[in-house]
Amino acid sequence: MRSRTEFVERAVETYVEELREARVVVVKEWTEAKARAAVFRFLKGRPATYVTDIAEALGMELDLAFRVVGALGKEGKIVG
């Protein structure tokens, strides 16, 4: 790199590119029961998916999505 200016320009370009690729996820309020039903419905007919994709698609907090998927797995309702 030749200068601080060039370094800053590259850093800003990288940051702007990352922002273009970012998505906004609107998180909804969920009860545990409704979250379980929604996750189970979401998974029907899908061979596999990531918990983060479930949370994003349903607008669910990550910790709730992981908790629900974990519980469904322990109950044998899903394989994970």
Protein backbone atom coordinates (compact mmCIF):
# COMPACT_ATOMS: atom_id res chain seq x y z
CA MET A 1 0.00 0.00 0.00
CA ARG A 2 1.22 3.42 -0.82
CA SER A 3 -0.56 5.60 1.66
CA ARG A 4 -2.99 5.85 4.51
CA THR A 5 -5.54 7.30 2.10
CA GLU A 6 -5.37 4.20 -0.10
CA PHE A 7 -5.68 1.98 2.97
CA VAL A 8 -8.76 3.89 4.18
CA GLU A 9 -10.34 3.85 0.70
CA ARG A 10 -9.95 0.07 0.48
CA ALA A 11 -11.35 -0.39 3.97
CA VAL A 12 -14.38 1.75 3.17
CA GLU A 13 -14.96 -0.09 -0.13
CA THR A 14 -14.85 -3.43 1.69
CA TYR A 15 -17.26 -2.19 4.36
CA VAL A 16 -19.71 -0.83 1.77
CA GLU A 17 -19.63 -4.15 -0.10
CA GLU A 18 -20.39 -6.03 3.11
CA LEU A 19 -23.32 -3.71 3.79
CA ARG A 20 -24.73 -4.37 0.31
CA GLU A 21 -24.73 -8.09 1.06
CA ALA A 22 -26.28 -7.71 4.52
CA ARG A 23 -29.91 -8.51 5.21
CA VAL A 24 -32.22 -7.03 7.78
CA VAL A 25 -34.13 -9.58 9.83
CA VAL A 26 -37.29 -8.42 11.56
CA VAL A 27 -37.65 -10.39 14.77
CA LYS A 28 -41.17 -11.14 15.99
CA GLU A 29 -42.44 -12.01 19.44
CA TRP A 30 -42.91 -15.76 19.84
CA THR A 31 -44.30 -17.94 22.58
CA GLU A 32 -42.49 -21.23 23.04
CA ALA A 33 -45.51 -23.21 21.82
CA LYS A 34 -46.00 -21.11 18.68
CA ALA A 35 -42.28 -21.23 17.94
CA ARG A 36 -42.27 -25.04 18.21
CA ALA A 37 -45.21 -25.34 15.83
CA ALA A 38 -43.70 -22.85 13.36
CA VAL A 39 -40.30 -24.56 13.35
CA PHE A 40 -41.88 -27.99 12.90
CA ARG A 41 -43.98 -26.69 9.97
CA PHE A 42 -40.94 -24.99 8.46
CA LEU A 43 -38.92 -28.21 8.58
CA LYS A 44 -41.59 -30.41 7.01
CA GLY A 45 -40.55 -31.38 3.51
CA ARG A 46 -37.02 -30.03 3.92
CA PRO A 47 -34.20 -32.55 4.01
CA ALA A 48 -31.95 -30.30 6.10
CA THR A 49 -31.39 -26.68 7.04
CA TYR A 50 -29.38 -24.58 9.45
CA VAL A 51 -30.95 -23.24 12.63
CA THR A 52 -29.83 -19.75 11.61
CA ASP A 53 -31.82 -20.10 8.38
CA ILE A 54 -34.89 -21.16 10.36
CA ALA A 55 -34.55 -18.16 12.66
CA GLU A 56 -34.09 -15.78 9.74
CA ALA A 57 -37.01 -17.17 7.75
CA LEU A 58 -39.39 -17.08 10.71
CA GLY A 59 -38.15 -13.84 12.27
CA MET A 60 -37.13 -15.60 15.46
CA GLU A 61 -34.43 -14.84 18.02
CA LEU A 62 -31.48 -17.20 17.56
CA ASP A 63 -31.53 -18.46 21.14
CA LEU A 64 -35.22 -19.39 20.86
CA ALA A 65 -34.67 -21.15 17.54
CA PHE A 66 -31.76 -23.17 18.95
CA ARG A 67 -33.77 -24.03 22.07
CA VAL A 68 -36.78 -25.18 20.06
CA VAL A 69 -34.72 -27.21 17.57
CA GLY A 70 -32.83 -28.80 20.47
CA ALA A 71 -36.06 -29.74 22.23
CA LEU A 72 -37.61 -31.17 19.06
CA GLY A 73 -34.45 -33.19 18.50
CA LYS A 74 -34.43 -34.59 22.05
CA GLU A 75 -38.08 -35.59 21.64
CA GLY A 76 -37.20 -37.42 18.43
CA LYS A 77 -39.51 -35.25 16.34
CA ILE A 78 -36.63 -34.10 14.16
CA VAL A 79 -33.19 -35.47 13.40
CA GLY A 80 -30.33 -33.10 13.87
